[in-house]
């Protein structure tokens, strides 16, 4: 009887592992697709370094912020990652570069949160919300402080 239970437990772990790897592969595939779209959006080769540096800083801020808010149920009073993304959006005048930063930022946000153990649907929701918040902040600053 215990051999059957052990076999079932092993099978259950294998199935969970498979689906976990399958979801991870889907996230990686989505990232690859987003990278391709983002690369086509950037019109100047010099902007590539800027976008990569921004996304790395954004990703690091997300990882730190997510880790610090684990005990609070993923609710953060201050989310500095969006400040980094908004500052980068304000730093460039090229729309393609801004679009690439938003796409890559949302993709990195989703991937990092997923790799830290969050449910994929929640990761996608937070990624969309965070990118939208940064974009809305950028648009409001451009509207009311055009010289900024």
Protein backbone atom coordinates (compact mmCIF):
# COMPACT_ATOMS: atom_id res chain seq x y z
CA UNK A 1 0.00 0.00 0.00
CA UNK A 2 2.77 2.46 0.91
CA UNK A 3 4.52 1.72 -2.40
CA UNK A 4 1.37 2.77 -4.23
CA UNK A 5 1.14 5.98 -2.23
CA UNK A 6 4.82 6.74 -2.89
CA UNK A 7 4.35 6.01 -6.60
CA UNK A 8 1.30 8.28 -6.74
CA UNK A 9 3.17 11.03 -4.89
CA UNK A 10 6.11 10.70 -7.29
CA UNK A 11 3.74 10.82 -10.26
CA UNK A 12 2.01 13.89 -8.84
CA UNK A 13 5.36 15.67 -8.37
CA UNK A 14 6.39 14.74 -11.92
CA UNK A 15 3.12 16.11 -13.33
CA UNK A 16 3.46 19.33 -11.31
CA UNK A 17 7.06 19.66 -12.48
CA UNK A 18 6.01 19.14 -16.09
CA UNK A 19 3.30 21.78 -15.94
CA UNK A 20 5.59 24.14 -14.07
CA UNK A 21 8.25 23.70 -16.77
CA UNK A 22 5.61 24.08 -19.45
CA UNK A 23 4.44 27.38 -17.94
CA UNK A 24 8.05 28.52 -17.57
CA UNK A 25 8.68 27.66 -21.23
CA UNK A 26 5.58 29.65 -22.17
CA UNK A 27 6.91 32.65 -20.21
CA UNK A 28 10.29 32.34 -21.93
CA UNK A 29 8.60 32.08 -25.32
CA UNK A 30 6.58 35.20 -24.53
CA UNK A 31 9.76 37.02 -23.52
CA UNK A 32 11.46 36.00 -26.76
CA UNK A 33 8.51 37.27 -28.75
CA UNK A 34 8.48 40.54 -26.77
CA UNK A 35 12.21 40.97 -27.34
CA UNK A 36 11.69 40.62 -31.09
CA UNK A 37 8.87 43.19 -31.10
CA UNK A 38 10.88 45.56 -28.92
CA UNK A 39 13.95 45.26 -31.14
CA UNK A 40 11.87 46.28 -34.15
CA UNK A 41 10.53 49.32 -32.26
CA UNK A 42 13.96 50.83 -31.57
CA UNK A 43 14.95 53.10 -34.43
CA UNK A 44 18.44 54.08 -33.22
CA UNK A 45 21.10 51.48 -32.38
CA UNK A 46 22.43 53.76 -29.64
CA UNK A 47 19.11 53.40 -27.81
CA UNK A 48 19.64 49.67 -27.33
CA UNK A 49 22.10 50.20 -24.44
CA UNK A 50 19.72 52.66 -22.82
CA UNK A 51 16.78 50.26 -23.07
CA UNK A 52 18.81 47.31 -21.79
CA UNK A 53 20.18 49.30 -18.84
CA UNK A 54 16.68 50.55 -18.00
CA UNK A 55 15.17 47.08 -18.13
CA UNK A 56 17.96 45.65 -15.95
CA UNK A 57 17.49 48.39 -13.35
CA UNK A 58 13.71 47.96 -13.56
CA UNK A 59 14.00 44.19 -13.13
CA UNK A 60 16.30 44.54 -10.13
CA UNK A 61 13.90 47.00 -8.51
CA UNK A 62 11.00 44.60 -9.14
CA UNK A 63 12.88 41.68 -7.61
CA UNK A 64 13.80 43.70 -4.53
CA UNK A 65 10.34 45.24 -4.20
CA UNK A 66 8.60 41.88 -4.61
CA UNK A 67 10.82 40.25 -2.03
CA UNK A 68 10.23 43.07 0.45
CA UNK A 69 6.44 42.93 0.04
CA UNK A 70 5.99 39.14 0.29
CA UNK A 71 4.80 39.35 3.89
CA UNK A 72 2.35 42.15 3.09
CA UNK A 73 0.47 40.11 0.48
CA UNK A 74 2.27 41.74 -2.47
CA UNK A 75 0.87 45.16 -1.61
CA UNK A 76 3.52 47.87 -1.75
CA UNK A 77 2.96 51.39 -0.49
CA UNK A 78 5.81 52.60 -2.72
CA UNK A 79 6.92 50.82 -5.88
CA UNK A 80 10.25 52.37 -6.97
CA UNK A 81 10.45 50.20 -10.09
CA UNK A 82 7.80 52.32 -11.79
CA UNK A 83 9.78 55.44 -10.91
CA UNK A 84 12.73 53.99 -12.80
CA UNK A 85 10.58 53.14 -15.79
CA UNK A 86 8.84 56.54 -15.79
CA UNK A 87 12.18 58.38 -15.55
CA UNK A 88 13.47 56.39 -18.51
CA UNK A 89 10.32 57.18 -20.49
CA UNK A 90 10.82 60.88 -19.78
CA UNK A 91 14.49 60.64 -20.80
CA UNK A 92 13.88 59.73 -24.41
CA UNK A 93 12.07 61.54 -27.19
CA UNK A 94 11.72 58.52 -29.49
CA UNK A 95 8.36 56.78 -29.37
CA UNK A 96 9.77 53.44 -30.49
CA UNK A 97 12.25 53.45 -27.63
CA UNK A 98 9.49 54.26 -25.14
CA UNK A 99 7.29 51.49 -26.55
CA UNK A 100 10.18 49.03 -26.34
CA UNK A 101 10.82 49.95 -22.71
CA UNK A 102 7.15 49.45 -21.84
CA UNK A 103 6.95 46.08 -23.62
CA UNK A 104 10.20 44.80 -22.16
CA UNK A 105 9.42 46.25 -18.74
CA UNK A 106 6.07 44.46 -18.60
CA UNK A 107 7.65 41.24 -19.84
CA UNK A 108 10.46 41.37 -17.29
CA UNK A 109 7.97 42.26 -14.55
CA UNK A 110 5.84 39.22 -15.39
CA UNK A 111 8.84 36.88 -15.67
CA UNK A 112 10.46 37.96 -12.40
CA UNK A 113 7.26 37.69 -10.42
CA UNK A 114 6.54 34.29 -11.96
CA UNK A 115 10.03 33.03 -11.17
CA UNK A 116 9.57 34.24 -7.60
CA UNK A 117 6.56 31.95 -7.25
CA UNK A 118 3.52 34.05 -8.12
CA UNK A 119 0.62 32.70 -10.16
CA UNK A 120 0.94 33.51 -13.87
CA UNK A 121 -2.41 35.35 -14.04
CA UNK A 122 -1.40 37.60 -11.13
CA UNK A 123 2.01 38.19 -12.73
CA UNK A 124 0.40 39.29 -15.97
CA UNK A 125 -2.08 41.53 -14.17
CA UNK A 126 0.64 43.22 -12.11
CA UNK A 127 2.82 43.66 -15.21
CA UNK A 128 0.00 45.36 -17.12
CA UNK A 129 -0.93 47.52 -14.12
CA UNK A 130 2.67 48.60 -13.51
CA UNK A 131 3.35 49.41 -17.17
CA UNK A 132 0.06 51.32 -17.36
CA UNK A 133 0.90 53.26 -14.22
CA UNK A 134 4.31 54.27 -15.57
CA UNK A 135 2.78 55.24 -18.92
CA UNK A 136 -0.02 57.24 -17.27
CA UNK A 137 2.50 59.08 -15.10
CA UNK A 138 4.60 59.84 -18.17
CA UNK A 139 1.56 61.13 -20.09
CA UNK A 140 0.39 63.31 -17.18
CA UNK A 141 3.85 64.83 -16.75
CA UNK A 142 4.06 65.49 -20.51
CA UNK A 143 0.60 67.08 -20.43
CA UNK A 144 0.96 69.32 -17.39
CA UNK A 145 4.75 69.88 -17.37
CA UNK A 146 5.78 69.80 -21.04
CA UNK A 147 9.23 71.21 -20.28
CA UNK A 148 10.06 68.35 -17.91
